[in-house]
Amino acid sequence: MTHPIRAKRSSRRGVRVSAVALAATGALALSACGPSLNLVTAPWSESQAVISSTVFGGEDITFDEEPMISVDGGRINNVVVKAAKSGDRVGGTLAEGGSAWKLNTSDLEFGTKYRVTASAVDLRGKETVSKDSFTTFTPEKQIEVTTNVWDGSTYGVGMPITVSFSEPVANRADIERRLEVSTNAKSQVAGRWSWDSDTFVSYRPKEYWPANTKVSLNADIKGVHAGGGAYAMENTTRDFSIGSANIMKVDAASHYMTFKRNGKVINTMPVSTGKPGYATRSGIKVLMSKERNIIFTADVAESDPEYYKIPIAIAMRLTWSGEYIHSAPWSVGSQGNSNVSHGCVNVSTGNAEWIMQNSNVGDIVEVVNSGRAQDLGNGITVWNESWSDWKADSAI
C-alpha cells in the first residue's frame, strides 16, 4: 500500500496593490496616469515533491520485492532506514536518475520492523520529509548453503565450484541468477552453472581455469524464494585462487604417468593401475583430496581372496568408489611393467610424496587405455561432459 505525503498548496489569490503602496516599499514605481495593476503571485511555501513506497506500512515484506522509495515531482535528498529495536542501518542506492532509492536487501533481517525517514526536494529546492515503517517476513523454511571452495585456498585448474542447499530449490532460475562468478583473468572466462539435483548446482568454465587466476563467488541469495516457502538465510561469498596448470596423465597400457605443469613435462614416473576385473576407470578425473596415514579396506568378505586391509602412508583420492593415487611399496616391482592394483594408481613412496608436495586439490588426472570408462558422478567428473550437455542442465 502506498501512503504518499503531499504538500498542501496555498490557494492562488489576486492581490490588488496600489501604486502608492508599492512605491512606499520600493518594490515598484508606476506612472501616475497609468491604470491600477492586478498582480498574481503563487507564494507556495511547501514542497511539491511526493514521497511514496510500496513497502510503507507493509507487513511481511519479502526481500525479492526489492523495496524502493520513490519521489514524484522531485528527487531524493536523503533516506535513513533503521531496525526499530537494534538501530542497525540498512544501506541503499539511488536509482531512476535520483527519483528513487533502492534498499539493499542484503542488509535486511527476517521478521524485523524498520523505520524509514525519507526527504526529497522539488524543482525549487523545497524539502518534503516523510516518516513511515515496514516489517519484513519470517520464512516458513530456512535454507543453509555450503560450498566446496574456501576463502584463501588454492585449487587446481579443474576445480568446479559447487553450491549445496539444505532444502530443495524449485525456483532454480531465480537462485541461479544470483550466483555470480568473476575472475581477474585478462580475458573473459566463459562458464556456466549446471544442476545435478534440486539441492546441488555446480559451476565450471568451458575450458580449464586459466592458471594463476583469482576467482570470486558471490551468492547474493539472502531472502530469495527458492520455492515451497523456503528462503536462503544468508548471502555467501568465496574468494580463492587457481594455481599452476598441473595435468597428470596416467597411461594404463604403458604403465607410466607424465606430470605437466603449465604445458611443460616436469616429471615422469612408473605406475601400476588396476588388474583385470579391477581396471582403473579411463577419463578425466579431478584430484579430490590429499590424505596421510589412512587404512584401505576391500569391500568384500574377509574370506574372499581379494580382501585386504592395509595402511597407506600417502594417498590422493580420485573417485568416491575408492580410486586413489597412493604409495604402494609392495608393488614397486610391478610399477612400470604390469597392472596389479584393485583400481588405484600405485606409485612408490618417494613418488607419492613428490606428487603430494607438487599438486593441488582440483588438479587434473587423466587416465587412458584402461578399457573401462569413467562413470559420471563417481568423483568430480564434470570434465567428462560435453559443453553442450553441461549447459543443458542450466536453469537459465
Protein backbone atom coordinates (compact mmCIF):
# COMPACT_ATOMS: atom_id res chain seq x y z
CA MET A 1 0.00 0.00 0.00
CA THR A 2 1.29 3.46 -0.88
CA HIS A 3 0.99 6.32 1.59
CA PRO A 4 2.00 9.45 -0.32
CA ILE A 5 2.93 12.51 1.60
CA ARG A 6 1.62 15.50 -0.40
CA ALA A 7 2.48 19.08 0.37
CA LYS A 8 -0.59 21.34 0.72
CA ARG A 9 -0.91 24.03 -1.90
CA SER A 10 -1.73 27.60 -0.99
CA SER A 11 -4.74 28.91 -2.95
CA ARG A 12 -3.99 31.33 -5.73
CA ARG A 13 -5.15 34.83 -4.81
CA GLY A 14 -5.31 38.00 -6.90
CA VAL A 15 -3.65 40.79 -4.92
CA ARG A 16 -4.71 44.35 -5.72
CA VAL A 17 -1.86 46.70 -4.84
CA SER A 18 -1.90 50.48 -5.15
CA ALA A 19 0.96 52.29 -6.82
CA VAL A 20 1.50 54.32 -3.65
CA ALA A 21 1.91 51.24 -1.51
CA LEU A 22 4.39 49.71 -3.93
CA ALA A 23 6.33 52.91 -4.23
CA ALA A 24 6.45 53.26 -0.49
CA THR A 25 8.06 49.83 -0.17
CA GLY A 26 10.40 50.42 -3.04
CA ALA A 27 9.00 47.36 -4.78
CA LEU A 28 7.85 49.06 -7.98
CA ALA A 29 7.49 52.56 -9.50
CA LEU A 30 4.31 53.24 -11.53
CA SER A 31 3.19 56.10 -13.79
CA ALA A 32 0.61 58.36 -12.06
CA CYS A 33 -1.56 58.43 -15.14
CA GLY A 34 -1.49 54.70 -15.75
CA PRO A 35 -4.20 52.21 -14.75
CA SER A 36 -4.13 50.28 -11.49
CA LEU A 37 -2.46 46.77 -11.68
CA ASN A 38 -3.71 43.32 -10.64
CA LEU A 39 -0.62 41.24 -9.60
CA VAL A 40 -0.96 37.45 -9.26
CA THR A 41 1.53 35.61 -7.04
CA ALA A 42 1.98 31.93 -6.04
CA PRO A 43 3.98 32.06 -2.84
CA TRP A 44 3.73 28.30 -2.08
CA SER A 45 5.83 27.63 0.96
CA GLU A 46 5.60 23.81 0.94
CA SER A 47 7.39 21.37 -1.35
CA GLN A 48 5.50 19.83 -4.25
CA ALA A 49 7.56 16.59 -4.11
CA VAL A 50 5.55 13.48 -3.20
CA ILE A 51 7.33 10.58 -1.46
CA SER A 52 5.88 7.09 -1.69
CA SER A 53 6.87 3.45 -1.38
CA THR A 54 5.26 0.09 -1.93
CA VAL A 55 6.58 -1.01 1.47
CA PHE A 56 5.35 1.90 3.62
CA GLY A 57 3.07 0.48 6.29
CA GLY A 58 3.61 -3.02 4.93
CA GLU A 59 3.75 -6.29 6.85
CA ASP A 60 5.61 -9.47 5.81
CA ILE A 61 7.66 -7.64 3.17
CA THR A 62 9.75 -10.13 1.18
CA PHE A 63 13.26 -9.37 0.02
CA ASP A 64 12.61 -10.28 -3.61
CA GLU A 65 10.16 -7.38 -3.84
CA GLU A 66 13.27 -5.18 -3.99
CA PRO A 67 11.77 -2.36 -1.84
CA MET A 68 12.15 1.14 -3.27
CA ILE A 69 11.26 4.64 -2.12
CA SER A 70 10.14 6.90 -4.96
CA VAL A 71 9.58 10.62 -5.47
CA ASP A 72 7.11 12.27 -7.82
CA GLY A 73 7.91 15.88 -8.71
CA GLY A 74 11.38 15.98 -7.25
CA ARG A 75 14.45 13.97 -6.30
CA ILE A 76 15.67 12.01 -3.29
CA ASN A 77 17.67 14.07 -0.82
CA ASN A 78 18.30 11.55 1.97
CA VAL A 79 16.94 8.23 3.20
CA VAL A 80 17.55 6.60 6.58
CA VAL A 81 16.27 3.06 7.21
CA LYS A 82 16.93 1.56 10.65
CA ALA A 83 15.81 -1.53 12.51
CA ALA A 84 13.35 -0.39 15.18
CA LYS A 85 14.98 -2.36 18.02
CA SER A 86 18.68 -2.68 17.20
CA GLY A 87 19.12 0.54 15.28
CA ASP A 88 21.06 -1.30 12.59
CA ARG A 89 21.05 0.78 9.43
CA VAL A 90 20.06 -0.51 6.00
CA GLY A 91 22.03 0.73 3.02
CA GLY A 92 20.75 1.57 -0.40
CA THR A 93 21.49 3.20 -3.73
CA LEU A 94 19.92 5.93 -5.81
CA ALA A 95 18.01 4.76 -8.85
CA GLU A 96 15.99 6.15 -11.74
CA GLY A 97 18.08 9.27 -12.05
CA GLY A 98 17.74 10.21 -8.41
CA SER A 99 13.96 9.94 -8.23
CA ALA A 100 14.11 6.62 -6.33
CA TRP A 101 16.16 4.91 -3.63
CA LYS A 102 16.59 1.12 -3.68
CA LEU A 103 17.11 -0.65 -0.37
CA ASN A 104 19.99 -3.10 -0.09
CA THR A 105 18.07 -6.26 0.79
CA SER A 106 21.29 -7.93 1.94
CA ASP A 107 21.16 -5.63 4.98
CA LEU A 108 17.61 -6.62 5.90
CA GLU A 109 16.84 -9.23 8.53
CA PHE A 110 13.86 -11.55 8.68
CA GLY A 111 10.89 -10.72 10.93
CA THR A 112 12.16 -7.22 11.71
CA LYS A 113 10.42 -3.85 11.89
CA TYR A 114 12.18 -0.98 10.14
CA ARG A 115 11.59 2.75 10.46
CA VAL A 116 12.10 4.97 7.43
CA THR A 117 12.81 8.70 7.27
CA ALA A 118 12.99 9.99 3.71
CA SER A 119 13.47 13.52 2.45
CA ALA A 120 13.12 14.88 -1.06
CA VAL A 121 13.30 18.28 -2.75
CA ASP A 122 11.17 19.60 -5.57
CA LEU A 123 12.41 21.61 -8.56
CA ARG A 124 12.64 24.78 -6.45
CA GLY A 125 14.68 23.08 -3.73
CA LYS A 126 11.80 22.92 -1.26
CA GLU A 127 12.06 19.90 1.04
CA THR A 128 9.49 17.23 1.91
CA VAL A 129 10.09 14.77 4.76
CA SER A 130 8.21 11.52 5.15
CA LYS A 131 8.34 9.04 8.02
CA ASP A 132 6.93 5.53 7.91
CA SER A 133 7.76 1.90 8.69
CA PHE A 134 7.50 -1.66 7.39
CA THR A 135 8.10 -5.18 8.72
CA THR A 136 9.92 -7.99 6.92
CA PHE A 137 8.60 -11.54 6.74
CA THR A 138 9.66 -14.69 8.57
CA PRO A 139 10.17 -17.64 6.17
CA GLU A 140 8.42 -20.97 6.66
CA LYS A 141 11.64 -22.86 5.81
CA GLN A 142 15.22 -21.71 6.04
CA ILE A 143 17.89 -22.70 3.53
CA GLU A 144 21.52 -23.01 4.50
CA VAL A 145 24.25 -23.07 1.87
CA THR A 146 27.58 -24.91 1.76
CA THR A 147 30.33 -24.79 -0.87
CA ASN A 148 33.35 -26.88 -1.82
CA VAL A 149 35.75 -23.92 -2.01
CA TRP A 150 37.08 -21.77 0.80
CA ASP A 151 38.47 -18.28 1.21
CA GLY A 152 42.20 -18.01 0.70
CA SER A 153 42.65 -21.55 -0.64
CA THR A 154 44.41 -22.51 -3.87
CA TYR A 155 42.96 -25.13 -6.22
CA GLY A 156 43.87 -26.79 -9.50
CA VAL A 157 42.63 -25.73 -12.91
CA GLY A 158 39.99 -28.47 -12.92
CA MET A 159 38.20 -27.45 -9.73
CA PRO A 160 34.48 -26.76 -10.21
CA ILE A 161 32.51 -24.60 -7.77
CA THR A 162 29.66 -26.45 -6.09
CA VAL A 163 26.84 -24.99 -4.01
CA SER A 164 24.67 -27.27 -1.89
CA PHE A 165 21.29 -26.29 -0.42
CA SER A 166 19.71 -27.70 2.74
CA GLU A 167 16.23 -27.57 1.16
CA PRO A 168 15.07 -28.39 -2.40
CA VAL A 169 15.23 -25.49 -4.85
CA ALA A 170 12.15 -25.37 -7.06
CA ASN A 171 12.81 -21.85 -8.37
CA ARG A 172 16.19 -22.78 -9.84
CA ALA A 173 16.38 -19.87 -12.27
CA ASP A 174 15.75 -17.28 -9.53
CA ILE A 175 18.58 -18.74 -7.44
CA GLU A 176 20.95 -19.29 -10.36
CA ARG A 177 20.65 -15.67 -11.49
CA ARG A 178 22.00 -14.61 -8.10
CA LEU A 179 25.07 -16.88 -8.24
CA GLU A 180 27.83 -14.72 -9.70
CA VAL A 181 31.35 -15.89 -10.56
CA SER A 182 34.10 -13.44 -11.53
CA THR A 183 37.85 -13.66 -12.12
CA ASN A 184 40.81 -11.35 -12.57
CA ALA A 185 41.79 -13.10 -15.81
CA LYS A 186 42.90 -10.81 -18.64
CA SER A 187 40.27 -12.23 -20.96
CA GLN A 188 36.72 -13.24 -20.10
CA VAL A 189 36.31 -16.79 -18.77
CA ALA A 190 33.21 -18.44 -20.19
CA GLY A 191 31.42 -20.62 -17.64
CA ARG A 192 28.00 -21.93 -16.69
CA TRP A 193 26.07 -23.37 -13.75
CA SER A 194 24.60 -26.86 -14.13
CA TRP A 195 22.11 -28.52 -11.76
CA ASP A 196 22.72 -32.09 -10.64
CA SER A 197 19.62 -32.11 -8.43
CA ASP A 198 17.23 -29.78 -6.60
CA THR A 199 19.83 -29.32 -3.87
CA PHE A 200 23.12 -29.26 -5.78
CA VAL A 201 24.46 -26.96 -8.53
CA SER A 202 27.98 -26.79 -9.99
CA TYR A 203 29.90 -24.20 -11.99
CA ARG A 204 32.72 -24.92 -14.40
CA PRO A 205 34.40 -22.92 -17.14
CA LYS A 206 34.08 -24.09 -20.73
CA GLU A 207 37.81 -24.93 -20.60
CA TYR A 208 40.07 -25.44 -17.61
CA TRP A 209 40.54 -22.35 -15.43
CA PRO A 210 43.42 -20.12 -16.54
CA ALA A 211 46.46 -20.80 -14.36
CA ASN A 212 47.26 -18.37 -11.54
CA THR A 213 43.84 -16.73 -11.53
CA LYS A 214 41.83 -15.27 -8.67
CA VAL A 215 38.17 -16.32 -8.57
CA SER A 216 35.26 -14.89 -6.59
CA LEU A 217 31.86 -16.42 -5.89
CA ASN A 218 29.05 -14.11 -4.80
CA ALA A 219 25.88 -15.97 -3.90
CA ASP A 220 23.59 -12.97 -3.38
CA ILE A 221 20.60 -15.11 -2.42
CA LYS A 222 19.54 -13.94 1.03
CA GLY A 223 15.75 -13.65 1.07
CA VAL A 224 15.28 -15.14 -2.41
CA HIS A 225 12.34 -17.53 -2.54
CA ALA A 226 13.65 -20.95 -3.55
CA GLY A 227 10.16 -22.44 -3.67
CA GLY A 228 7.93 -24.27 -1.22
CA GLY A 229 8.19 -21.48 1.33
CA ALA A 230 11.98 -21.91 1.62
CA TYR A 231 14.32 -18.91 1.66
CA ALA A 232 18.09 -18.58 1.85
CA MET A 233 19.06 -17.10 5.20
CA GLU A 234 22.42 -15.59 4.29
CA ASN A 235 24.49 -14.48 1.34
CA THR A 236 27.67 -16.46 0.71
CA THR A 237 30.95 -15.23 -0.75
CA ARG A 238 34.16 -17.09 -1.51
CA ASP A 239 37.48 -15.72 -2.75
CA PHE A 240 40.05 -18.31 -3.81
CA SER A 241 42.90 -18.84 -6.26
CA ILE A 242 43.73 -21.17 -9.10
CA GLY A 243 47.35 -22.33 -9.05
CA SER A 244 49.59 -23.72 -11.77
CA ALA A 245 48.10 -25.83 -14.55
CA ASN A 246 49.07 -29.29 -13.26
CA ILE A 247 47.99 -32.11 -15.58
CA MET A 248 48.79 -35.72 -14.69
CA LYS A 249 48.30 -38.26 -17.47
CA VAL A 250 48.25 -41.94 -16.48
CA ASP A 251 48.66 -44.46 -19.31
CA ALA A 252 47.42 -47.85 -18.12
CA ALA A 253 48.97 -49.53 -21.17
CA SER A 254 52.48 -48.08 -20.89
CA HIS A 255 52.36 -48.12 -17.04
CA TYR A 256 53.73 -44.57 -16.78
CA MET A 257 52.47 -41.23 -15.51
CA THR A 258 53.51 -37.90 -17.03
CA PHE A 259 53.23 -34.77 -14.87
CA LYS A 260 52.94 -31.49 -16.79
CA ARG A 261 53.00 -28.02 -15.27
CA ASN A 262 51.83 -25.11 -17.43
CA GLY A 263 52.34 -27.26 -20.52
CA LYS A 264 55.86 -28.47 -19.67
CA VAL A 265 56.73 -32.02 -18.55
CA ILE A 266 58.39 -31.80 -15.12
CA ASN A 267 58.27 -35.47 -14.08
CA THR A 268 57.63 -38.96 -15.41
CA MET A 269 57.20 -41.97 -13.15
CA PRO A 270 56.29 -45.68 -13.36
CA VAL A 271 52.84 -46.75 -12.14
CA SER A 272 50.72 -49.85 -11.75
CA THR A 273 46.98 -49.49 -12.35
CA GLY A 274 44.01 -51.85 -11.93
CA LYS A 275 44.43 -55.50 -12.83
CA PRO A 276 41.88 -57.42 -14.98
CA GLY A 277 38.49 -57.30 -13.32
CA TYR A 278 39.52 -54.21 -11.35
CA ALA A 279 40.59 -51.90 -14.17
CA THR A 280 41.11 -48.24 -13.33
CA ARG A 281 38.46 -46.09 -14.97
CA SER A 282 39.60 -44.10 -18.02
CA GLY A 283 38.53 -40.49 -18.17
CA ILE A 284 39.27 -37.03 -16.85
CA LYS A 285 39.33 -37.05 -13.07
CA VAL A 286 39.97 -34.27 -10.58
CA LEU A 287 42.16 -34.73 -7.53
CA MET A 288 39.62 -34.59 -4.68
CA SER A 289 41.71 -34.74 -1.51
CA LYS A 290 45.22 -35.34 -0.18
CA GLU A 291 45.40 -37.69 2.81
CA ARG A 292 48.03 -39.28 5.03
CA ASN A 293 48.10 -42.43 7.16
CA ILE A 294 44.76 -43.96 6.28
CA ILE A 295 43.52 -47.55 6.14
CA PHE A 296 42.33 -49.15 2.92
CA THR A 297 39.82 -51.99 3.29
CA ALA A 298 38.34 -54.07 0.47
CA ASP A 299 34.56 -54.08 0.26
CA VAL A 300 34.38 -57.87 0.26
CA ALA A 301 34.16 -60.58 2.89
CA GLU A 302 37.33 -61.29 4.84
CA SER A 303 37.25 -64.83 3.50
CA ASP A 304 37.45 -63.55 -0.10
CA PRO A 305 40.90 -63.95 -1.67
CA GLU A 306 40.66 -60.29 -2.79
CA TYR A 307 40.14 -58.99 0.74
CA TYR A 308 42.75 -56.59 2.11
CA LYS A 309 43.16 -54.17 4.98
CA ILE A 310 46.36 -52.22 4.70
CA PRO A 311 47.76 -48.90 5.98
CA ILE A 312 48.54 -46.29 3.33
CA ALA A 313 51.06 -43.56 4.13
CA ILE A 314 50.26 -41.15 1.25
CA ALA A 315 47.02 -41.07 -0.75
CA MET A 316 45.21 -38.71 -3.14
CA ARG A 317 41.56 -39.52 -3.84
CA LEU A 318 40.22 -39.65 -7.41
CA THR A 319 36.73 -41.21 -7.08
CA TRP A 320 34.06 -41.78 -4.46
CA SER A 321 34.30 -45.52 -5.11
CA GLY A 322 37.86 -45.59 -3.83
CA GLU A 323 40.33 -44.93 -6.64
CA TYR A 324 43.44 -43.14 -5.38
CA ILE A 325 46.94 -42.32 -6.44
CA HIS A 326 48.84 -43.72 -3.46
CA SER A 327 52.11 -45.01 -2.13
CA ALA A 328 52.41 -48.77 -2.69
CA PRO A 329 55.88 -50.02 -1.74
CA TRP A 330 54.69 -53.63 -2.14
CA SER A 331 54.08 -53.17 -5.90
CA VAL A 332 57.25 -51.27 -6.84
CA GLY A 333 58.42 -54.30 -8.81
CA SER A 334 55.28 -54.15 -10.97
CA GLN A 335 55.27 -50.39 -11.43
CA GLY A 336 56.29 -49.58 -14.98
CA ASN A 337 55.56 -53.04 -16.38
CA SER A 338 52.22 -54.53 -15.20
CA ASN A 339 48.88 -53.70 -13.59
CA VAL A 340 48.29 -55.37 -10.23
CA SER A 341 46.11 -52.97 -8.16
CA HIS A 342 42.41 -53.09 -7.33
CA GLY A 343 41.81 -49.95 -9.39
CA CYS A 344 44.14 -47.44 -7.77
CA VAL A 345 47.22 -45.88 -9.34
CA ASN A 346 50.17 -47.34 -7.43
CA VAL A 347 53.41 -45.37 -7.19
CA SER A 348 56.49 -45.63 -4.98
CA THR A 349 56.54 -43.90 -1.62
CA GLY A 350 59.05 -41.34 -2.91
CA ASN A 351 56.97 -40.56 -6.00
CA ALA A 352 53.79 -40.35 -3.93
CA GLU A 353 55.45 -37.80 -1.65
CA TRP A 354 56.62 -35.80 -4.67
CA ILE A 355 53.05 -35.71 -6.07
CA MET A 356 51.69 -34.72 -2.65
CA GLN A 357 54.10 -31.79 -2.46
CA ASN A 358 53.62 -30.64 -6.06
CA SER A 359 49.86 -30.95 -6.57
CA ASN A 360 46.70 -29.13 -5.53
CA VAL A 361 43.21 -30.37 -4.90
CA GLY A 362 41.48 -29.67 -8.19
CA ASP A 363 44.38 -30.78 -10.40
CA ILE A 364 43.55 -32.83 -13.48
CA VAL A 365 44.33 -36.56 -13.60
CA GLU A 366 43.58 -38.14 -16.97
CA VAL A 367 43.62 -41.93 -17.23
CA VAL A 368 43.83 -43.53 -20.68
CA ASN A 369 44.00 -47.03 -22.21
CA SER A 370 42.45 -48.97 -19.34
CA GLY A 371 39.47 -50.33 -21.27
CA ARG A 372 36.98 -49.16 -18.62
CA ALA A 373 35.08 -45.86 -18.90
CA GLN A 374 34.70 -43.35 -16.10
CA ASP A 375 31.17 -43.27 -14.67
CA LEU A 376 29.68 -39.79 -14.27
CA GLY A 377 29.18 -38.67 -10.69
CA ASN A 378 31.78 -41.02 -9.27
CA GLY A 379 34.06 -38.27 -8.08
CA ILE A 380 34.47 -34.88 -9.75
CA THR A 381 33.63 -35.91 -13.31
CA VAL A 382 32.47 -32.59 -14.77
CA TRP A 383 35.14 -32.61 -17.49
CA ASN A 384 33.78 -35.84 -18.98
CA GLU A 385 30.65 -33.99 -20.13
CA SER A 386 30.49 -32.03 -23.36
CA TRP A 387 29.95 -28.29 -23.06
CA SER A 388 26.53 -28.56 -24.72
CA ASP A 389 25.43 -31.29 -22.29
CA TRP A 390 26.72 -29.24 -19.36
CA LYS A 391 24.82 -26.12 -20.43
CA ALA A 392 21.62 -28.12 -20.95
CA ASP A 393 21.27 -28.52 -17.18
CA SER A 394 21.42 -24.79 -16.50
CA ALA A 395 18.13 -23.21 -15.40
CA ILE A 396 18.66 -20.01 -17.41
